[in-house]
């Protein structure tokens, strides 16, 4: 555990080490960075995803390392600059950074859609989305698709006035709401399910959005087609092995399937307007 925490510390604070090549041109390196959107803490993501990336490395014969960012806006800036070789990003991120940075869809979670949720503390007087008028609400980041954009769009659509506060991660939303620091907050079911049982037991879901294409695994255009094929084969193979199924269960996945750019046309159809600091959805 000490070695894992040391690795995470280096990863977050020493940007030019091999383990954190998202700060340099990794096209010139033998190691490929696989970035995970920081919906949860870096420590938690490392525990969940490092074994998965080790599986992919082993089955693709490529050297792939886990990286993340301190918060979602930093992750977005690095996607904009093309600093990640491979990235697991939310549906809206994919639409934006496919267009601006050329990231190419590779895979997505099989038989899965994504829904935004709004959660409130159990036992409070917040029982539905209509009870949120005039309240201060927690969200991970302005461009978090299902956890921020979809809930805020619904609130605007219903004419419910609220004050948003951005707390950097899904985990932080759930913890702040469970402790009563915010009346409610936005998230998604998967990250809520990943929270400790004691936190889940203190909050309740009061609203869910419609369903959309889930997060994308996408690669930077500098990646060779042969490497893309190897990574995709390893991702698909996870659900065919006992080890892979166990690792997938840890992140509440059934498996991966190939993805195409057009799979996210449902997100494009929302005509989201955002500067990554302020968001508007045309309904």
C-alpha atoms as a PDB file:
ATOM      1  CA  UNK A   1       0.000   0.000   0.000  1.00  0.00           C
ATOM      2  CA  UNK A   2       2.916   2.346   0.802  1.00  0.00           C
ATOM      3  CA  UNK A   3       4.323   1.771  -2.693  1.00  0.00           C
ATOM      4  CA  UNK A   4       0.927   2.489  -4.253  1.00  0.00           C
ATOM      5  CA  UNK A   5       0.542   5.770  -2.351  1.00  0.00           C
ATOM      6  CA  UNK A   6       4.094   6.782  -3.264  1.00  0.00           C
ATOM      7  CA  UNK A   7       3.323   6.063  -6.924  1.00  0.00           C
ATOM      8  CA  UNK A   8       0.196   8.232  -6.736  1.00  0.00           C
ATOM      9  CA  UNK A   9       2.118  11.035  -5.051  1.00  0.00           C
ATOM     10  CA  UNK A  10       4.726  11.025  -7.778  1.00  0.00           C
ATOM     11  CA  UNK A  11       2.045  10.817 -10.419  1.00  0.00           C
ATOM     12  CA  UNK A  12       0.259  13.928  -9.199  1.00  0.00           C
ATOM     13  CA  UNK A  13       3.293  16.082  -8.319  1.00  0.00           C
ATOM     14  CA  UNK A  14       6.169  15.233 -10.695  1.00  0.00           C
ATOM     15  CA  UNK A  15       4.807  15.866 -14.189  1.00  0.00           C
ATOM     16  CA  UNK A  16       7.896  14.923 -16.174  1.00  0.00           C
ATOM     17  CA  UNK A  17       8.465  11.460 -14.756  1.00  0.00           C
ATOM     18  CA  UNK A  18       7.827   8.400 -16.901  1.00  0.00           C
ATOM     19  CA  UNK A  19       4.686   7.671 -14.841  1.00  0.00           C
ATOM     20  CA  UNK A  20       3.217  11.091 -15.630  1.00  0.00           C
ATOM     21  CA  UNK A  21       4.073  11.630 -19.257  1.00  0.00           C
ATOM     22  CA  UNK A  22       0.877  13.603 -19.815  1.00  0.00           C
ATOM     23  CA  UNK A  23       3.015  16.717 -19.480  1.00  0.00           C
ATOM     24  CA  UNK A  24       5.313  15.914 -22.412  1.00  0.00           C
ATOM     25  CA  UNK A  25       5.047  14.653 -25.956  1.00  0.00           C
ATOM     26  CA  UNK A  26       4.454  10.984 -25.307  1.00  0.00           C
ATOM     27  CA  UNK A  27       4.661  10.231 -29.026  1.00  0.00           C
ATOM     28  CA  UNK A  28       8.423  10.157 -28.486  1.00  0.00           C
ATOM     29  CA  UNK A  29       8.185   7.780 -25.523  1.00  0.00           C
ATOM     30  CA  UNK A  30       7.825   4.017 -25.347  1.00  0.00           C
ATOM     31  CA  UNK A  31       5.258   4.348 -22.545  1.00  0.00           C
ATOM     32  CA  UNK A  32       1.646   5.192 -23.360  1.00  0.00           C
ATOM     33  CA  UNK A  33      -0.445   7.221 -20.922  1.00  0.00           C
ATOM     34  CA  UNK A  34      -4.008   6.117 -20.222  1.00  0.00           C
ATOM     35  CA  UNK A  35      -5.846   8.958 -18.494  1.00  0.00           C
ATOM     36  CA  UNK A  36      -8.983   8.440 -16.420  1.00  0.00           C
ATOM     37  CA  UNK A  37     -11.375  11.357 -15.964  1.00  0.00           C
ATOM     38  CA  UNK A  38     -11.083  12.378 -12.282  1.00  0.00           C
ATOM     39  CA  UNK A  39     -14.672  11.773 -11.206  1.00  0.00           C
ATOM     40  CA  UNK A  40     -13.249  10.275  -8.027  1.00  0.00           C
ATOM     41  CA  UNK A  41     -10.072  10.849  -6.020  1.00  0.00           C
ATOM     42  CA  UNK A  42      -6.739   9.981  -7.625  1.00  0.00           C
ATOM     43  CA  UNK A  43      -6.114   7.386  -4.925  1.00  0.00           C
ATOM     44  CA  UNK A  44      -9.441   5.658  -5.554  1.00  0.00           C
ATOM     45  CA  UNK A  45      -9.017   5.743  -9.339  1.00  0.00           C
ATOM     46  CA  UNK A  46      -5.514   4.285  -9.052  1.00  0.00           C
ATOM     47  CA  UNK A  47      -6.813   1.376  -6.956  1.00  0.00           C
ATOM     48  CA  UNK A  48      -9.618   0.655  -9.434  1.00  0.00           C
ATOM     49  CA  UNK A  49      -7.880   1.278 -12.753  1.00  0.00           C
ATOM     50  CA  UNK A  50      -4.194   0.419 -12.333  1.00  0.00           C
ATOM     51  CA  UNK A  51      -4.876  -3.363 -12.358  1.00  0.00           C
ATOM     52  CA  UNK A  52      -7.044  -2.919 -15.461  1.00  0.00           C
ATOM     53  CA  UNK A  53      -4.282  -1.070 -17.288  1.00  0.00           C
ATOM     54  CA  UNK A  54      -1.797  -3.722 -16.210  1.00  0.00           C
ATOM     55  CA  UNK A  55      -4.106  -6.320 -17.785  1.00  0.00           C
ATOM     56  CA  UNK A  56      -4.262  -4.276 -21.009  1.00  0.00           C
ATOM     57  CA  UNK A  57      -0.472  -3.887 -21.026  1.00  0.00           C
ATOM     58  CA  UNK A  58       0.045  -7.604 -20.571  1.00  0.00           C
ATOM     59  CA  UNK A  59      -2.419  -8.605 -23.287  1.00  0.00           C
ATOM     60  CA  UNK A  60      -1.369  -5.949 -25.804  1.00  0.00           C
ATOM     61  CA  UNK A  61       2.398  -6.113 -25.253  1.00  0.00           C
ATOM     62  CA  UNK A  62       2.349  -2.325 -24.836  1.00  0.00           C
ATOM     63  CA  UNK A  63       3.666  -0.340 -21.864  1.00  0.00           C
ATOM     64  CA  UNK A  64       0.595   1.538 -20.592  1.00  0.00           C
ATOM     65  CA  UNK A  65       0.480   3.563 -17.362  1.00  0.00           C
ATOM     66  CA  UNK A  66      -2.323   5.119 -15.344  1.00  0.00           C
ATOM     67  CA  UNK A  67      -2.569   8.906 -15.147  1.00  0.00           C
ATOM     68  CA  UNK A  68      -5.246  11.326 -14.041  1.00  0.00           C
ATOM     69  CA  UNK A  69      -5.507  14.994 -13.084  1.00  0.00           C
ATOM     70  CA  UNK A  70      -6.201  16.862  -9.867  1.00  0.00           C
ATOM     71  CA  UNK A  71      -9.636  17.916 -11.118  1.00  0.00           C
ATOM     72  CA  UNK A  72     -11.874  17.790 -14.185  1.00  0.00           C
ATOM     73  CA  UNK A  73     -10.930  21.264 -15.560  1.00  0.00           C
ATOM     74  CA  UNK A  74      -7.237  20.250 -15.522  1.00  0.00           C
ATOM     75  CA  UNK A  75      -8.136  16.995 -17.277  1.00  0.00           C
ATOM     76  CA  UNK A  76     -10.020  19.017 -19.916  1.00  0.00           C
ATOM     77  CA  UNK A  77      -7.053  21.324 -20.481  1.00  0.00           C
ATOM     78  CA  UNK A  78      -4.745  18.358 -21.046  1.00  0.00           C
ATOM     79  CA  UNK A  79      -7.198  16.806 -23.498  1.00  0.00           C
ATOM     80  CA  UNK A  80      -7.313  20.122 -25.328  1.00  0.00           C
ATOM     81  CA  UNK A  81      -3.514  20.066 -25.597  1.00  0.00           C
ATOM     82  CA  UNK A  82      -3.494  16.406 -26.652  1.00  0.00           C
ATOM     83  CA  UNK A  83      -1.283  15.368 -23.755  1.00  0.00           C
ATOM     84  CA  UNK A  84      -2.894  11.962 -23.191  1.00  0.00           C
ATOM     85  CA  UNK A  85      -2.286   9.015 -25.520  1.00  0.00           C
ATOM     86  CA  UNK A  86      -5.475   7.244 -24.420  1.00  0.00           C
ATOM     87  CA  UNK A  87      -8.271   8.676 -22.312  1.00  0.00           C
ATOM     88  CA  UNK A  88     -11.467   7.551 -20.659  1.00  0.00           C
ATOM     89  CA  UNK A  89     -13.647  10.655 -20.936  1.00  0.00           C
ATOM     90  CA  UNK A  90     -17.258  11.627 -20.504  1.00  0.00           C
ATOM     91  CA  UNK A  91     -19.586  11.761 -23.548  1.00  0.00           C
ATOM     92  CA  UNK A  92     -19.472  15.535 -23.875  1.00  0.00           C
ATOM     93  CA  UNK A  93     -15.690  15.583 -23.533  1.00  0.00           C
ATOM     94  CA  UNK A  94     -15.506  13.121 -26.399  1.00  0.00           C
ATOM     95  CA  UNK A  95     -17.689  15.265 -28.659  1.00  0.00           C
ATOM     96  CA  UNK A  96     -15.586  18.370 -27.899  1.00  0.00           C
ATOM     97  CA  UNK A  97     -12.113  16.846 -28.020  1.00  0.00           C
ATOM     98  CA  UNK A  98     -12.778  14.698 -31.056  1.00  0.00           C
ATOM     99  CA  UNK A  99     -13.493  17.944 -32.863  1.00  0.00           C
ATOM    100  CA  UNK A 100     -10.741  20.107 -31.359  1.00  0.00           C
ATOM    101  CA  UNK A 101      -7.904  17.654 -30.646  1.00  0.00           C
ATOM    102  CA  UNK A 102      -8.733  14.732 -32.930  1.00  0.00           C
ATOM    103  CA  UNK A 103      -9.307  12.047 -30.300  1.00  0.00           C
ATOM    104  CA  UNK A 104     -10.707   8.924 -31.990  1.00  0.00           C
ATOM    105  CA  UNK A 105     -13.298   6.640 -30.420  1.00  0.00           C
ATOM    106  CA  UNK A 106     -11.985   3.169 -29.621  1.00  0.00           C
ATOM    107  CA  UNK A 107     -14.335   1.528 -27.135  1.00  0.00           C
ATOM    108  CA  UNK A 108     -17.176   2.072 -24.702  1.00  0.00           C
ATOM    109  CA  UNK A 109     -18.869   0.156 -21.931  1.00  0.00           C
ATOM    110  CA  UNK A 110     -20.970  -2.684 -23.304  1.00  0.00           C
ATOM    111  CA  UNK A 111     -24.769  -2.695 -22.929  1.00  0.00           C
ATOM    112  CA  UNK A 112     -24.673   0.507 -20.915  1.00  0.00           C
ATOM    113  CA  UNK A 113     -26.031   4.015 -21.086  1.00  0.00           C
ATOM    114  CA  UNK A 114     -25.312   6.961 -18.803  1.00  0.00           C
ATOM    115  CA  UNK A 115     -27.851   8.838 -16.703  1.00  0.00           C
ATOM    116  CA  UNK A 116     -27.399  11.906 -14.569  1.00  0.00           C
ATOM    117  CA  UNK A 117     -28.776  11.852 -11.031  1.00  0.00           C
ATOM    118  CA  UNK A 118     -29.477  14.402  -8.338  1.00  0.00           C
ATOM    119  CA  UNK A 119     -28.995  13.178  -4.788  1.00  0.00           C
ATOM    120  CA  UNK A 120     -30.106  14.656  -1.466  1.00  0.00           C
ATOM    121  CA  UNK A 121     -29.485  13.757   2.143  1.00  0.00           C
ATOM    122  CA  UNK A 122     -31.878  11.205   3.573  1.00  0.00           C
ATOM    123  CA  UNK A 123     -34.221  12.665   6.155  1.00  0.00           C
ATOM    124  CA  UNK A 124     -33.996  16.198   4.753  1.00  0.00           C
ATOM    125  CA  UNK A 125     -36.951  18.129   3.379  1.00  0.00           C
ATOM    126  CA  UNK A 126     -35.649  17.623  -0.178  1.00  0.00           C
ATOM    127  CA  UNK A 127     -37.764  14.898  -1.762  1.00  0.00           C
ATOM    128  CA  UNK A 128     -37.934  15.929  -5.436  1.00  0.00           C
ATOM    129  CA  UNK A 129     -36.238  18.219  -7.918  1.00  0.00           C
ATOM    130  CA  UNK A 130     -39.023  20.763  -7.332  1.00  0.00           C
ATOM    131  CA  UNK A 131     -37.853  21.223  -3.735  1.00  0.00           C
ATOM    132  CA  UNK A 132     -34.510  22.673  -4.886  1.00  0.00           C
ATOM    133  CA  UNK A 133     -35.680  26.213  -5.700  1.00  0.00           C
ATOM    134  CA  UNK A 134     -33.361  28.761  -4.114  1.00  0.00           C
ATOM    135  CA  UNK A 135     -30.889  26.151  -2.846  1.00  0.00           C
ATOM    136  CA  UNK A 136     -27.123  25.894  -3.230  1.00  0.00           C
ATOM    137  CA  UNK A 137     -26.256  22.704  -5.126  1.00  0.00           C
ATOM    138  CA  UNK A 138     -22.984  20.802  -5.572  1.00  0.00           C
ATOM    139  CA  UNK A 139     -21.645  19.679  -8.960  1.00  0.00           C
ATOM    140  CA  UNK A 140     -18.272  18.167  -9.946  1.00  0.00           C
ATOM    141  CA  UNK A 141     -17.325  20.645 -12.704  1.00  0.00           C
ATOM    142  CA  UNK A 142     -19.090  22.840 -15.299  1.00  0.00           C
ATOM    143  CA  UNK A 143     -18.550  20.391 -18.189  1.00  0.00           C
ATOM    144  CA  UNK A 144     -19.236  17.136 -16.323  1.00  0.00           C
ATOM    145  CA  UNK A 145     -21.832  15.781 -18.749  1.00  0.00           C
ATOM    146  CA  UNK A 146     -24.257  13.619 -16.761  1.00  0.00           C
ATOM    147  CA  UNK A 147     -23.418  14.970 -13.304  1.00  0.00           C
ATOM    148  CA  UNK A 148     -23.650  18.695 -14.152  1.00  0.00           C
ATOM    149  CA  UNK A 149     -24.887  19.492 -17.654  1.00  0.00           C
ATOM    150  CA  UNK A 150     -27.955  17.230 -17.618  1.00  0.00           C
ATOM    151  CA  UNK A 151     -29.177  18.105 -14.086  1.00  0.00           C
ATOM    152  CA  UNK A 152     -28.667  21.831 -14.648  1.00  0.00           C
ATOM    153  CA  UNK A 153     -30.472  21.651 -17.994  1.00  0.00           C
ATOM    154  CA  UNK A 154     -33.476  20.063 -16.292  1.00  0.00           C
ATOM    155  CA  UNK A 155     -33.466  22.662 -13.511  1.00  0.00           C
ATOM    156  CA  UNK A 156     -33.378  25.477 -16.082  1.00  0.00           C
ATOM    157  CA  UNK A 157     -36.109  23.797 -18.122  1.00  0.00           C
ATOM    158  CA  UNK A 158     -38.366  23.665 -15.047  1.00  0.00           C
ATOM    159  CA  UNK A 159     -37.591  27.267 -14.130  1.00  0.00           C
ATOM    160  CA  UNK A 160     -36.009  26.278 -10.805  1.00  0.00           C
ATOM    161  CA  UNK A 161     -33.516  28.889  -9.604  1.00  0.00           C
ATOM    162  CA  UNK A 162     -30.417  27.523  -7.842  1.00  0.00           C
ATOM    163  CA  UNK A 163     -26.828  28.434  -6.987  1.00  0.00           C
ATOM    164  CA  UNK A 164     -24.198  26.021  -8.350  1.00  0.00           C
ATOM    165  CA  UNK A 165     -20.962  25.237  -6.566  1.00  0.00           C
ATOM    166  CA  UNK A 166     -18.227  23.125  -8.183  1.00  0.00           C
ATOM    167  CA  UNK A 167     -16.421  20.745  -5.823  1.00  0.00           C
ATOM    168  CA  UNK A 168     -13.998  18.971  -8.225  1.00  0.00           C
ATOM    169  CA  UNK A 169     -15.246  15.351  -8.178  1.00  0.00           C
ATOM    170  CA  UNK A 170     -18.293  13.103  -7.901  1.00  0.00           C
ATOM    171  CA  UNK A 171     -16.991  11.752  -4.599  1.00  0.00           C
ATOM    172  CA  UNK A 172     -16.854  15.268  -3.188  1.00  0.00           C
ATOM    173  CA  UNK A 173     -20.459  15.894  -4.252  1.00  0.00           C
ATOM    174  CA  UNK A 174     -21.697  12.802  -2.434  1.00  0.00           C
ATOM    175  CA  UNK A 175     -19.657  13.487   0.698  1.00  0.00           C
ATOM    176  CA  UNK A 176     -20.757  17.131   0.880  1.00  0.00           C
ATOM    177  CA  UNK A 177     -24.411  16.209   0.454  1.00  0.00           C
ATOM    178  CA  UNK A 178     -24.228  13.355   2.973  1.00  0.00           C
ATOM    179  CA  UNK A 179     -22.756  15.756   5.536  1.00  0.00           C
ATOM    180  CA  UNK A 180     -25.400  18.396   4.913  1.00  0.00           C
ATOM    181  CA  UNK A 181     -23.072  21.031   3.448  1.00  0.00           C
ATOM    182  CA  UNK A 182     -25.244  21.225   0.313  1.00  0.00           C
ATOM    183  CA  UNK A 183     -28.960  20.577  -0.102  1.00  0.00           C
ATOM    184  CA  UNK A 184     -28.357  18.297  -3.084  1.00  0.00           C
ATOM    185  CA  UNK A 185     -25.859  17.567  -5.840  1.00  0.00           C
ATOM    186  CA  UNK A 186     -25.308  15.997  -9.233  1.00  0.00           C
ATOM    187  CA  UNK A 187     -23.652  12.687 -10.043  1.00  0.00           C
ATOM    188  CA  UNK A 188     -24.095   9.423 -11.927  1.00  0.00           C
ATOM    189  CA  UNK A 189     -25.216   6.025 -10.695  1.00  0.00           C
ATOM    190  CA  UNK A 190     -21.895   4.249 -11.352  1.00  0.00           C
ATOM    191  CA  UNK A 191     -19.781   6.590  -9.206  1.00  0.00           C
ATOM    192  CA  UNK A 192     -22.490   6.618  -6.538  1.00  0.00           C
ATOM    193  CA  UNK A 193     -22.343   2.811  -6.477  1.00  0.00           C
ATOM    194  CA  UNK A 194     -18.570   3.018  -6.015  1.00  0.00           C
ATOM    195  CA  UNK A 195     -18.901   5.036  -2.801  1.00  0.00           C
ATOM    196  CA  UNK A 196     -18.568   3.362   0.616  1.00  0.00           C
ATOM    197  CA  UNK A 197     -21.815   1.870   1.857  1.00  0.00           C
ATOM    198  CA  UNK A 198     -21.940   4.284   4.800  1.00  0.00           C
ATOM    199  CA  UNK A 199     -21.990   7.257   2.431  1.00  0.00           C
ATOM    200  CA  UNK A 200     -24.558   5.689   0.106  1.00  0.00           C
ATOM    201  CA  UNK A 201     -26.815   4.969   3.085  1.00  0.00           C
ATOM    202  CA  UNK A 202     -26.966   8.673   3.943  1.00  0.00           C
ATOM    203  CA  UNK A 203     -28.176   9.957   0.551  1.00  0.00           C
ATOM    204  CA  UNK A 204     -31.053   9.251  -1.783  1.00  0.00           C
ATOM    205  CA  UNK A 205     -31.645   9.823  -5.500  1.00  0.00           C
ATOM    206  CA  UNK A 206     -34.423  12.356  -6.163  1.00  0.00           C
ATOM    207  CA  UNK A 207     -34.080  12.692  -9.970  1.00  0.00           C
ATOM    208  CA  UNK A 208     -32.686  10.792 -12.964  1.00  0.00           C
ATOM    209  CA  UNK A 209     -32.073  12.017 -16.516  1.00  0.00           C
ATOM    210  CA  UNK A 210     -32.771  10.330 -19.815  1.00  0.00           C
ATOM    211  CA  UNK A 211     -30.156   7.830 -21.050  1.00  0.00           C
ATOM    212  CA  UNK A 212     -27.216   8.686 -23.318  1.00  0.00           C
ATOM    213  CA  UNK A 213     -24.178   6.933 -24.829  1.00  0.00           C
ATOM    214  CA  UNK A 214     -21.660   6.359 -22.015  1.00  0.00           C
ATOM    215  CA  UNK A 215     -18.050   7.429 -21.583  1.00  0.00           C
ATOM    216  CA  UNK A 216     -15.594   6.929 -24.419  1.00  0.00           C
ATOM    217  CA  UNK A 217     -12.202   5.290 -24.477  1.00  0.00           C
ATOM    218  CA  UNK A 218     -10.468   7.329 -27.164  1.00  0.00           C
ATOM    219  CA  UNK A 219      -6.944   7.624 -28.543  1.00  0.00           C
ATOM    220  CA  UNK A 220      -4.939  10.594 -29.720  1.00  0.00           C
ATOM    221  CA  UNK A 221      -4.478  10.731 -33.519  1.00  0.00           C
ATOM    222  CA  UNK A 222      -0.731  10.259 -33.141  1.00  0.00           C
ATOM    223  CA  UNK A 223      -1.310   6.653 -32.077  1.00  0.00           C
ATOM    224  CA  UNK A 224      -0.547   4.049 -34.744  1.00  0.00           C
ATOM    225  CA  UNK A 225      -3.425   1.917 -36.034  1.00  0.00           C
ATOM    226  CA  UNK A 226      -1.614  -1.258 -34.933  1.00  0.00           C
ATOM    227  CA  UNK A 227      -1.434  -0.042 -31.331  1.00  0.00           C
ATOM    228  CA  UNK A 228      -5.128   0.894 -31.388  1.00  0.00           C
ATOM    229  CA  UNK A 229      -5.974  -2.618 -32.580  1.00  0.00           C
ATOM    230  CA  UNK A 230      -3.923  -4.224 -29.798  1.00  0.00           C
ATOM    231  CA  UNK A 231      -5.509  -2.073 -27.092  1.00  0.00           C
ATOM    232  CA  UNK A 232      -9.020  -2.724 -28.397  1.00  0.00           C
ATOM    233  CA  UNK A 233      -8.383  -6.478 -28.513  1.00  0.00           C
ATOM    234  CA  UNK A 234      -7.187  -6.417 -24.907  1.00  0.00           C
ATOM    235  CA  UNK A 235     -10.235  -4.422 -23.783  1.00  0.00           C
ATOM    236  CA  UNK A 236     -12.605  -6.826 -25.518  1.00  0.00           C
ATOM    237  CA  UNK A 237     -10.770  -9.826 -24.087  1.00  0.00           C
ATOM    238  CA  UNK A 238     -11.332  -8.696 -20.496  1.00  0.00           C
ATOM    239  CA  UNK A 239     -14.856 -10.116 -20.366  1.00  0.00           C
ATOM    240  CA  UNK A 240     -13.584 -13.482 -21.647  1.00  0.00           C
ATOM    241  CA  UNK A 241     -11.161 -14.188 -18.813  1.00  0.00           C
ATOM    242  CA  UNK A 242     -11.724 -14.834 -15.110  1.00  0.00           C
ATOM    243  CA  UNK A 243      -9.167 -12.191 -14.163  1.00  0.00           C
ATOM    244  CA  UNK A 244     -10.651  -9.617 -16.513  1.00  0.00           C
ATOM    245  CA  UNK A 245     -14.222 -10.192 -15.309  1.00  0.00           C
ATOM    246  CA  UNK A 246     -13.091  -9.655 -11.711  1.00  0.00           C
ATOM    247  CA  UNK A 247     -11.338  -6.402 -12.610  1.00  0.00           C
ATOM    248  CA  UNK A 248     -14.354  -5.169 -14.555  1.00  0.00           C
ATOM    249  CA  UNK A 249     -16.626  -5.931 -11.610  1.00  0.00           C
ATOM    250  CA  UNK A 250     -14.536  -3.573  -9.473  1.00  0.00           C
ATOM    251  CA  UNK A 251     -15.579  -0.663 -11.687  1.00  0.00           C
ATOM    252  CA  UNK A 252     -19.151  -1.926 -12.230  1.00  0.00           C
ATOM    253  CA  UNK A 253     -18.535  -2.778 -15.908  1.00  0.00           C
ATOM    254  CA  UNK A 254     -19.783  -5.834 -17.778  1.00  0.00           C
ATOM    255  CA  UNK A 255     -17.176  -5.331 -20.478  1.00  0.00           C
ATOM    256  CA  UNK A 256     -16.147  -3.173 -23.417  1.00  0.00           C
ATOM    257  CA  UNK A 257     -17.329  -3.063 -27.012  1.00  0.00           C
ATOM    258  CA  UNK A 258     -15.920  -1.311 -30.117  1.00  0.00           C
ATOM    259  CA  UNK A 259     -17.079   2.279 -30.576  1.00  0.00           C
ATOM    260  CA  UNK A 260     -17.521   4.597 -33.538  1.00  0.00           C
ATOM    261  CA  UNK A 261     -17.562   8.376 -33.641  1.00  0.00           C
ATOM    262  CA  UNK A 262     -21.256   8.406 -34.613  1.00  0.00           C
ATOM    263  CA  UNK A 263     -22.185   6.618 -31.375  1.00  0.00           C
ATOM    264  CA  UNK A 264     -22.161  10.019 -29.652  1.00  0.00           C
ATOM    265  CA  UNK A 265     -24.553  11.704 -32.077  1.00  0.00           C
ATOM    266  CA  UNK A 266     -27.197  11.644 -29.322  1.00  0.00           C
ATOM    267  CA  UNK A 267     -24.965  13.958 -27.292  1.00  0.00           C
ATOM    268  CA  UNK A 268     -24.296  16.185 -30.297  1.00  0.00           C
ATOM    269  CA  UNK A 269     -28.060  16.491 -30.799  1.00  0.00           C
ATOM    270  CA  UNK A 270     -28.315  18.331 -27.455  1.00  0.00           C
ATOM    271  CA  UNK A 271     -26.413  21.283 -28.982  1.00  0.00           C
ATOM    272  CA  UNK A 272     -24.550  21.956 -25.763  1.00  0.00           C
ATOM    273  CA  UNK A 273     -22.886  25.340 -25.576  1.00  0.00           C
ATOM    274  CA  UNK A 274     -20.060  25.653 -23.091  1.00  0.00           C
ATOM    275  CA  UNK A 275     -16.719  27.333 -22.553  1.00  0.00           C
ATOM    276  CA  UNK A 276     -15.881  24.602 -19.993  1.00  0.00           C
ATOM    277  CA  UNK A 277     -16.606  27.209 -17.339  1.00  0.00           C
ATOM    278  CA  UNK A 278     -20.268  27.939 -18.110  1.00  0.00           C
ATOM    279  CA  UNK A 279     -22.724  25.575 -19.701  1.00  0.00           C
ATOM    280  CA  UNK A 280     -26.005  25.898 -21.582  1.00  0.00           C
ATOM    281  CA  UNK A 281     -28.055  23.175 -23.206  1.00  0.00           C
ATOM    282  CA  UNK A 282     -30.574  23.908 -25.924  1.00  0.00           C
ATOM    283  CA  UNK A 283     -33.733  21.938 -25.225  1.00  0.00           C
END
